[in-house]
Amino acid sequence: MRFDNHRVVITAAGRDFGRTLAFVLADLGAEVFLSARTLAAAEHVRDEIRSRGHQQVHAFACDLTDPASIHDFAAGVARHTDRIDVLINNGSRYLEGPDLLSAADADIVDTIASGATGTVLTVKNFLPLLLESDKPDVVTMVSACGAAGHHRSDAHDAFYASKSAQAGFAEILSKRLRPQGVRVISLYPPDFNNPDPDSAEWKTTPREAEDVLTAQSLVECILFALAQPRDCFIKAFHFEQV
């Protein structure tokens, strides 16, 4: 499926999986509004994508721990467009360490604020633009750490708390926004391989049953869910951990 008539917002697209999503969706024709914590990081990805021949890419700064920054991001997008069709909540700080005492208080606050509060405020600020679309979708990259009973990650307890908050928010949001035609789609991947989408490795990364989950497969799940008829509400993708 092409996405030529889609306007897509992606948080934390300055690197890693957010950058991957921005590359792929731009390649498929979408107009992309990407953010990163610093404007320089967002502009770097924007320029990378434009060098591939896609000019409908816009860069913004957005610190997901700062409500004013989130508001400014949404206001900046609104100056370019009267609607968005897809909001991808990709941003959330990762914090490592299976020992609760291993992280500083400030890092714990930052981790929970970026993933939990940041996701709620991002949806809140972009919801008016989503409701102007005839095909509105909210996609949230949660994590296996947000799934009930998961314990196999070395992530810090604060990261588990952040992801559990995202999962709970997406669950209730799905029910409350469905009457307005907004689909809410969540992904719960374990650790996965994320090759550079601008490299040869993107097409050669092994994707057999014994291999680690890849970013390519996650992207394909998102594209599959977005491409479904509007009566098809795919709430979540859960993945077996190798």
C-alpha atoms as a PDB file:
ATOM      1  CA  MET A   1       0.000   0.000   0.000  1.00  0.00           C
ATOM      2  CA  ARG A   2       1.137   3.544  -0.765  1.00  0.00           C
ATOM      3  CA  PHE A   3       0.592   6.345   1.754  1.00  0.00           C
ATOM      4  CA  ASP A   4       0.632   9.299  -0.632  1.00  0.00           C
ATOM      5  CA  ASN A   5      -2.413  10.910   0.951  1.00  0.00           C
ATOM      6  CA  HIS A   6      -1.333  10.365   4.554  1.00  0.00           C
ATOM      7  CA  ARG A   7       0.080  12.953   6.917  1.00  0.00           C
ATOM      8  CA  VAL A   8       2.051  11.237   9.658  1.00  0.00           C
ATOM      9  CA  VAL A   9       3.492  12.554  12.935  1.00  0.00           C
ATOM     10  CA  ILE A  10       6.368  10.572  14.489  1.00  0.00           C
ATOM     11  CA  THR A  11       7.888  11.363  17.883  1.00  0.00           C
ATOM     12  CA  ALA A  12      11.527  10.661  18.714  1.00  0.00           C
ATOM     13  CA  ALA A  13      12.451  10.229  15.055  1.00  0.00           C
ATOM     14  CA  GLY A  14      15.983  11.536  15.395  1.00  0.00           C
ATOM     15  CA  ARG A  15      17.468   8.055  15.643  1.00  0.00           C
ATOM     16  CA  ASP A  16      16.789   4.341  15.937  1.00  0.00           C
ATOM     17  CA  PHE A  17      13.282   3.062  15.206  1.00  0.00           C
ATOM     18  CA  GLY A  18      11.717   6.515  14.870  1.00  0.00           C
ATOM     19  CA  ARG A  19      14.193   7.355  12.122  1.00  0.00           C
ATOM     20  CA  THR A  20      13.419   4.021  10.490  1.00  0.00           C
ATOM     21  CA  LEU A  21       9.687   4.769  10.462  1.00  0.00           C
ATOM     22  CA  ALA A  22      10.287   8.224   9.005  1.00  0.00           C
ATOM     23  CA  PHE A  23      12.407   6.783   6.173  1.00  0.00           C
ATOM     24  CA  VAL A  24       9.939   4.036   5.282  1.00  0.00           C
ATOM     25  CA  LEU A  25       6.795   6.153   5.413  1.00  0.00           C
ATOM     26  CA  ALA A  26       8.422   8.899   3.358  1.00  0.00           C
ATOM     27  CA  ASP A  27       9.496   6.280   0.811  1.00  0.00           C
ATOM     28  CA  LEU A  28       5.845   5.202   0.614  1.00  0.00           C
ATOM     29  CA  GLY A  29       4.687   8.720  -0.151  1.00  0.00           C
ATOM     30  CA  ALA A  30       3.534  10.003   3.235  1.00  0.00           C
ATOM     31  CA  GLU A  31       4.039  13.577   4.326  1.00  0.00           C
ATOM     32  CA  VAL A  32       6.054  13.201   7.519  1.00  0.00           C
ATOM     33  CA  PHE A  33       6.209  15.503  10.540  1.00  0.00           C
ATOM     34  CA  LEU A  34       9.054  14.241  12.693  1.00  0.00           C
ATOM     35  CA  SER A  35      10.342  15.348  16.061  1.00  0.00           C
ATOM     36  CA  ALA A  36      13.438  14.810  18.156  1.00  0.00           C
ATOM     37  CA  ARG A  37      14.508  16.198  21.510  1.00  0.00           C
ATOM     38  CA  THR A  38      16.752  18.668  19.685  1.00  0.00           C
ATOM     39  CA  LEU A  39      15.884  20.492  16.496  1.00  0.00           C
ATOM     40  CA  ALA A  40      19.314  19.688  15.053  1.00  0.00           C
ATOM     41  CA  ALA A  41      18.663  15.939  15.347  1.00  0.00           C
ATOM     42  CA  ALA A  42      15.249  16.262  13.692  1.00  0.00           C
ATOM     43  CA  GLU A  43      16.633  18.420  10.892  1.00  0.00           C
ATOM     44  CA  HIS A  44      19.411  15.921  10.248  1.00  0.00           C
ATOM     45  CA  VAL A  45      16.892  13.126   9.613  1.00  0.00           C
ATOM     46  CA  ARG A  46      14.729  15.480   7.561  1.00  0.00           C
ATOM     47  CA  ASP A  47      17.714  16.307   5.359  1.00  0.00           C
ATOM     48  CA  GLU A  48      18.613  12.618   5.010  1.00  0.00           C
ATOM     49  CA  ILE A  49      15.101  11.873   3.777  1.00  0.00           C
ATOM     50  CA  ARG A  50      15.044  14.835   1.421  1.00  0.00           C
ATOM     51  CA  SER A  51      18.310  13.639  -0.093  1.00  0.00           C
ATOM     52  CA  ARG A  52      16.396  10.491  -1.084  1.00  0.00           C
ATOM     53  CA  GLY A  53      14.013  12.640  -3.150  1.00  0.00           C
ATOM     54  CA  HIS A  54      11.180  13.133  -0.646  1.00  0.00           C
ATOM     55  CA  GLN A  55      10.515  16.799   0.033  1.00  0.00           C
ATOM     56  CA  GLN A  56       7.349  16.526   2.149  1.00  0.00           C
ATOM     57  CA  VAL A  57       9.229  16.147   5.429  1.00  0.00           C
ATOM     58  CA  HIS A  58       9.135  18.609   8.333  1.00  0.00           C
ATOM     59  CA  ALA A  59      11.357  18.731  11.426  1.00  0.00           C
ATOM     60  CA  PHE A  60      10.463  19.903  14.929  1.00  0.00           C
ATOM     61  CA  ALA A  61      11.994  19.899  18.380  1.00  0.00           C
ATOM     62  CA  CYS A  62       9.960  18.132  21.060  1.00  0.00           C
ATOM     63  CA  ASP A  63      11.029  17.202  24.569  1.00  0.00           C
ATOM     64  CA  LEU A  64       8.450  14.662  25.713  1.00  0.00           C
ATOM     65  CA  THR A  65       9.151  15.498  29.364  1.00  0.00           C
ATOM     66  CA  ASP A  66       8.131  19.131  28.814  1.00  0.00           C
ATOM     67  CA  PRO A  67       4.401  19.926  28.362  1.00  0.00           C
ATOM     68  CA  ALA A  68       5.166  23.295  26.732  1.00  0.00           C
ATOM     69  CA  SER A  69       7.453  21.619  24.199  1.00  0.00           C
ATOM     70  CA  ILE A  70       4.746  19.107  23.273  1.00  0.00           C
ATOM     71  CA  HIS A  71       2.216  21.904  22.878  1.00  0.00           C
ATOM     72  CA  ASP A  72       4.623  23.861  20.661  1.00  0.00           C
ATOM     73  CA  PHE A  73       5.240  20.781  18.520  1.00  0.00           C
ATOM     74  CA  ALA A  74       1.533  20.271  17.886  1.00  0.00           C
ATOM     75  CA  ALA A  75       1.038  23.981  17.218  1.00  0.00           C
ATOM     76  CA  GLY A  76       3.929  23.935  14.753  1.00  0.00           C
ATOM     77  CA  VAL A  77       2.422  21.011  12.859  1.00  0.00           C
ATOM     78  CA  ALA A  78      -0.951  22.771  12.816  1.00  0.00           C
ATOM     79  CA  ARG A  79       0.645  25.697  11.011  1.00  0.00           C
ATOM     80  CA  HIS A  80       1.495  23.323   8.131  1.00  0.00           C
ATOM     81  CA  THR A  81      -1.656  21.225   7.918  1.00  0.00           C
ATOM     82  CA  ASP A  82      -5.317  21.158   8.918  1.00  0.00           C
ATOM     83  CA  ARG A  83      -5.243  17.432   9.741  1.00  0.00           C
ATOM     84  CA  ILE A  84      -3.030  14.492  10.544  1.00  0.00           C
ATOM     85  CA  ASP A  85      -3.939  10.920   9.684  1.00  0.00           C
ATOM     86  CA  VAL A  86      -1.473   8.946  11.791  1.00  0.00           C
ATOM     87  CA  LEU A  87       0.188   9.772  15.106  1.00  0.00           C
ATOM     88  CA  ILE A  88       3.034   7.425  16.022  1.00  0.00           C
ATOM     89  CA  ASN A  89       4.044   7.574  19.674  1.00  0.00           C
ATOM     90  CA  ASN A  90       7.551   6.240  19.308  1.00  0.00           C
ATOM     91  CA  GLY A  91       9.305   8.360  21.927  1.00  0.00           C
ATOM     92  CA  SER A  92      10.132   7.021  25.376  1.00  0.00           C
ATOM     93  CA  ARG A  93      13.420   7.103  27.246  1.00  0.00           C
ATOM     94  CA  TYR A  94      15.019   3.737  27.938  1.00  0.00           C
ATOM     95  CA  LEU A  95      16.608   3.160  31.332  1.00  0.00           C
ATOM     96  CA  GLU A  96      18.709   0.079  31.997  1.00  0.00           C
ATOM     97  CA  GLY A  97      19.341  -1.681  35.264  1.00  0.00           C
ATOM     98  CA  PRO A  98      17.407  -4.467  37.006  1.00  0.00           C
ATOM     99  CA  ASP A  99      18.275  -2.962  40.419  1.00  0.00           C
ATOM    100  CA  LEU A 100      15.817  -0.293  41.566  1.00  0.00           C
ATOM    101  CA  LEU A 101      18.597   1.476  43.486  1.00  0.00           C
ATOM    102  CA  SER A 102      20.849   1.731  40.434  1.00  0.00           C
ATOM    103  CA  ALA A 103      19.225   4.820  38.891  1.00  0.00           C
ATOM    104  CA  ALA A 104      19.247   8.420  40.031  1.00  0.00           C
ATOM    105  CA  ASP A 105      15.933  10.010  40.975  1.00  0.00           C
ATOM    106  CA  ALA A 106      16.209  12.474  38.086  1.00  0.00           C
ATOM    107  CA  ASP A 107      16.645   9.637  35.569  1.00  0.00           C
ATOM    108  CA  ILE A 108      13.608   7.833  36.970  1.00  0.00           C
ATOM    109  CA  VAL A 109      11.478  10.962  36.687  1.00  0.00           C
ATOM    110  CA  ASP A 110      12.711  11.606  33.136  1.00  0.00           C
ATOM    111  CA  THR A 111      12.000   8.019  32.074  1.00  0.00           C
ATOM    112  CA  ILE A 112       8.454   7.925  33.391  1.00  0.00           C
ATOM    113  CA  ALA A 113       7.686  11.450  32.195  1.00  0.00           C
ATOM    114  CA  SER A 114       8.821  10.811  28.625  1.00  0.00           C
ATOM    115  CA  GLY A 115       6.937   7.555  28.155  1.00  0.00           C
ATOM    116  CA  ALA A 116       3.847   8.034  30.309  1.00  0.00           C
ATOM    117  CA  THR A 117       3.081  11.739  30.616  1.00  0.00           C
ATOM    118  CA  GLY A 118       4.660  12.476  27.246  1.00  0.00           C
ATOM    119  CA  THR A 119       2.461   9.982  25.424  1.00  0.00           C
ATOM    120  CA  VAL A 120      -0.740  11.202  27.088  1.00  0.00           C
ATOM    121  CA  LEU A 121       0.020  14.849  26.338  1.00  0.00           C
ATOM    122  CA  THR A 122       1.092  14.124  22.767  1.00  0.00           C
ATOM    123  CA  VAL A 123      -2.212  12.423  21.991  1.00  0.00           C
ATOM    124  CA  LYS A 124      -4.143  15.177  23.781  1.00  0.00           C
ATOM    125  CA  ASN A 125      -2.426  17.937  21.809  1.00  0.00           C
ATOM    126  CA  PHE A 126      -2.719  16.199  18.438  1.00  0.00           C
ATOM    127  CA  LEU A 127      -6.257  14.860  18.886  1.00  0.00           C
ATOM    128  CA  PRO A 128      -7.950  17.915  17.302  1.00  0.00           C
ATOM    129  CA  LEU A 129      -5.881  17.403  14.136  1.00  0.00           C
ATOM    130  CA  LEU A 130      -6.583  13.658  14.168  1.00  0.00           C
ATOM    131  CA  LEU A 131     -10.314  14.276  14.393  1.00  0.00           C
ATOM    132  CA  GLU A 132     -10.129  16.313  11.185  1.00  0.00           C
ATOM    133  CA  SER A 133      -8.987  13.173   9.315  1.00  0.00           C
ATOM    134  CA  ASP A 134     -11.284  10.605   7.733  1.00  0.00           C
ATOM    135  CA  LYS A 135      -8.757   7.870   8.583  1.00  0.00           C
ATOM    136  CA  PRO A 136      -7.272   8.704  12.006  1.00  0.00           C
ATOM    137  CA  ASP A 137      -4.922   6.216  13.656  1.00  0.00           C
ATOM    138  CA  VAL A 138      -2.826   6.380  16.822  1.00  0.00           C
ATOM    139  CA  VAL A 139       0.104   3.947  16.933  1.00  0.00           C
ATOM    140  CA  THR A 140       2.090   3.474  20.140  1.00  0.00           C
ATOM    141  CA  MET A 141       5.369   1.618  20.420  1.00  0.00           C
ATOM    142  CA  VAL A 142       4.908   0.185  23.884  1.00  0.00           C
ATOM    143  CA  SER A 143       7.267  -2.738  24.610  1.00  0.00           C
ATOM    144  CA  ALA A 144       7.090  -6.236  25.961  1.00  0.00           C
ATOM    145  CA  CYS A 145       7.868  -4.505  29.268  1.00  0.00           C
ATOM    146  CA  GLY A 146       4.339  -3.096  29.180  1.00  0.00           C
ATOM    147  CA  ALA A 147       2.748  -6.538  28.942  1.00  0.00           C
ATOM    148  CA  ALA A 148       1.362  -8.059  32.136  1.00  0.00           C
ATOM    149  CA  GLY A 149       3.765 -10.507  33.731  1.00  0.00           C
ATOM    150  CA  HIS A 150       6.756  -9.752  31.509  1.00  0.00           C
ATOM    151  CA  HIS A 151      10.065  -9.993  33.373  1.00  0.00           C
ATOM    152  CA  ARG A 152      12.755 -10.947  30.872  1.00  0.00           C
ATOM    153  CA  SER A 153      14.208  -7.505  30.190  1.00  0.00           C
ATOM    154  CA  ASP A 154      17.133  -5.909  32.011  1.00  0.00           C
ATOM    155  CA  ALA A 155      15.337  -2.573  31.835  1.00  0.00           C
ATOM    156  CA  HIS A 156      14.976  -0.564  35.018  1.00  0.00           C
ATOM    157  CA  ASP A 157      11.772  -0.754  37.035  1.00  0.00           C
ATOM    158  CA  ALA A 158      10.995   2.828  35.995  1.00  0.00           C
ATOM    159  CA  PHE A 159      10.996   1.798  32.348  1.00  0.00           C
ATOM    160  CA  TYR A 160       8.561  -1.015  33.179  1.00  0.00           C
ATOM    161  CA  ALA A 161       6.377   1.548  34.955  1.00  0.00           C
ATOM    162  CA  SER A 162       6.502   3.896  31.976  1.00  0.00           C
ATOM    163  CA  LYS A 163       5.547   1.181  29.512  1.00  0.00           C
ATOM    164  CA  SER A 164       2.781  -0.166  31.731  1.00  0.00           C
ATOM    165  CA  ALA A 165       1.345   3.357  31.835  1.00  0.00           C
ATOM    166  CA  GLN A 166       1.432   3.552  28.038  1.00  0.00           C
ATOM    167  CA  ALA A 167      -0.335   0.199  27.804  1.00  0.00           C
ATOM    168  CA  GLY A 168      -3.097   1.249  30.192  1.00  0.00           C
ATOM    169  CA  PHE A 169      -3.563   4.559  28.389  1.00  0.00           C
ATOM    170  CA  ALA A 170      -3.808   2.870  24.984  1.00  0.00           C
ATOM    171  CA  GLU A 171      -6.334   0.356  26.320  1.00  0.00           C
ATOM    172  CA  ILE A 172      -8.820   2.934  27.546  1.00  0.00           C
ATOM    173  CA  LEU A 173      -8.103   5.296  24.655  1.00  0.00           C
ATOM    174  CA  SER A 174      -9.051   2.588  22.162  1.00  0.00           C
ATOM    175  CA  LYS A 175     -12.488   2.192  23.712  1.00  0.00           C
ATOM    176  CA  ARG A 176     -13.163   5.901  24.172  1.00  0.00           C
ATOM    177  CA  LEU A 177     -12.029   7.045  20.727  1.00  0.00           C
ATOM    178  CA  ARG A 178     -13.632   4.277  18.688  1.00  0.00           C
ATOM    179  CA  PRO A 179     -17.006   6.071  18.457  1.00  0.00           C
ATOM    180  CA  GLN A 180     -15.118   8.933  16.781  1.00  0.00           C
ATOM    181  CA  GLY A 181     -13.521   6.571  14.274  1.00  0.00           C
ATOM    182  CA  VAL A 182     -10.013   6.733  15.748  1.00  0.00           C
ATOM    183  CA  ARG A 183      -8.154   3.414  15.767  1.00  0.00           C
ATOM    184  CA  VAL A 184      -5.605   2.894  18.558  1.00  0.00           C
ATOM    185  CA  ILE A 185      -2.882   0.362  17.720  1.00  0.00           C
ATOM    186  CA  SER A 186      -0.186  -0.770  20.150  1.00  0.00           C
ATOM    187  CA  LEU A 187       2.954  -2.836  19.598  1.00  0.00           C
ATOM    188  CA  TYR A 188       4.635  -4.851  22.348  1.00  0.00           C
ATOM    189  CA  PRO A 189       8.007  -5.983  20.944  1.00  0.00           C
ATOM    190  CA  PRO A 190      10.892  -7.440  22.920  1.00  0.00           C
ATOM    191  CA  ASP A 191      14.396  -6.212  22.050  1.00  0.00           C
ATOM    192  CA  PHE A 192      14.746  -6.156  18.272  1.00  0.00           C
ATOM    193  CA  ASN A 193      17.334  -5.656  15.548  1.00  0.00           C
ATOM    194  CA  ASN A 194      17.113  -2.221  13.913  1.00  0.00           C
ATOM    195  CA  PRO A 195      19.434  -2.001  10.877  1.00  0.00           C
ATOM    196  CA  ASP A 196      19.950   1.344   9.175  1.00  0.00           C
ATOM    197  CA  PRO A 197      17.144   1.736   6.586  1.00  0.00           C
ATOM    198  CA  ASP A 198      19.578   3.666   4.409  1.00  0.00           C
ATOM    199  CA  SER A 199      22.047   0.767   4.214  1.00  0.00           C
ATOM    200  CA  ALA A 200      22.346  -2.507   2.329  1.00  0.00           C
ATOM    201  CA  GLU A 201      21.838  -4.314   5.642  1.00  0.00           C
ATOM    202  CA  TRP A 202      18.172  -3.262   5.570  1.00  0.00           C
ATOM    203  CA  LYS A 203      17.516  -5.822   2.826  1.00  0.00           C
ATOM    204  CA  THR A 204      19.955  -8.525   3.961  1.00  0.00           C
ATOM    205  CA  THR A 205      19.196  -8.841   7.686  1.00  0.00           C
ATOM    206  CA  PRO A 206      18.193 -12.468   8.443  1.00  0.00           C
ATOM    207  CA  ARG A 207      14.528 -12.873   9.268  1.00  0.00           C
ATOM    208  CA  GLU A 208      14.129 -16.591   9.907  1.00  0.00           C
ATOM    209  CA  ALA A 209      12.363 -18.283  12.804  1.00  0.00           C
ATOM    210  CA  GLU A 210      15.548 -18.551  14.858  1.00  0.00           C
ATOM    211  CA  ASP A 211      16.486 -14.885  14.359  1.00  0.00           C
ATOM    212  CA  VAL A 212      15.817 -11.900  16.578  1.00  0.00           C
ATOM    213  CA  LEU A 213      12.787  -9.797  15.663  1.00  0.00           C
ATOM    214  CA  THR A 214      13.649  -7.065  13.152  1.00  0.00           C
ATOM    215  CA  ALA A 215      12.567  -3.469  12.656  1.00  0.00           C
ATOM    216  CA  GLN A 216      11.449  -4.487   9.172  1.00  0.00           C
ATOM    217  CA  SER A 217       8.851  -6.841  10.631  1.00  0.00           C
ATOM    218  CA  LEU A 218       7.633  -4.217  13.104  1.00  0.00           C
ATOM    219  CA  VAL A 219       7.245  -1.682  10.296  1.00  0.00           C
ATOM    220  CA  GLU A 220       5.314  -4.221   8.240  1.00  0.00           C
ATOM    221  CA  CYS A 221       2.949  -4.855  11.165  1.00  0.00           C
ATOM    222  CA  ILE A 222       2.252  -1.120  11.432  1.00  0.00           C
ATOM    223  CA  LEU A 223       1.700  -0.764   7.690  1.00  0.00           C
ATOM    224  CA  PHE A 224      -0.593  -3.800   7.698  1.00  0.00           C
ATOM    225  CA  ALA A 225      -2.753  -2.371  10.491  1.00  0.00           C
ATOM    226  CA  LEU A 226      -2.951   1.066   8.870  1.00  0.00           C
ATOM    227  CA  ALA A 227      -3.944  -0.446   5.517  1.00  0.00           C
ATOM    228  CA  GLN A 228      -6.990  -2.298   6.865  1.00  0.00           C
ATOM    229  CA  PRO A 229     -10.559  -1.118   6.151  1.00  0.00           C
ATOM    230  CA  ARG A 230     -11.904   1.201   8.807  1.00  0.00           C
ATOM    231  CA  ASP A 231     -14.069  -1.501  10.373  1.00  0.00           C
ATOM    232  CA  CYS A 232     -10.905  -3.418  11.319  1.00  0.00           C
ATOM    233  CA  PHE A 233      -9.553  -2.236  14.672  1.00  0.00           C
ATOM    234  CA  ILE A 234      -6.332  -4.133  15.392  1.00  0.00           C
ATOM    235  CA  LYS A 235      -5.671  -3.191  19.005  1.00  0.00           C
ATOM    236  CA  ALA A 236      -2.293  -4.775  19.590  1.00  0.00           C
ATOM    237  CA  PHE A 237       0.606  -6.802  18.242  1.00  0.00           C
ATOM    238  CA  HIS A 238       2.351  -9.097  20.727  1.00  0.00           C
ATOM    239  CA  PHE A 239       5.532 -10.933  19.779  1.00  0.00           C
ATOM    240  CA  GLU A 240       7.146 -14.159  20.914  1.00  0.00           C
ATOM    241  CA  GLN A 241      10.527 -13.500  22.538  1.00  0.00           C
ATOM    242  CA  VAL A 242      13.366 -15.715  21.283  1.00  0.00           C
END
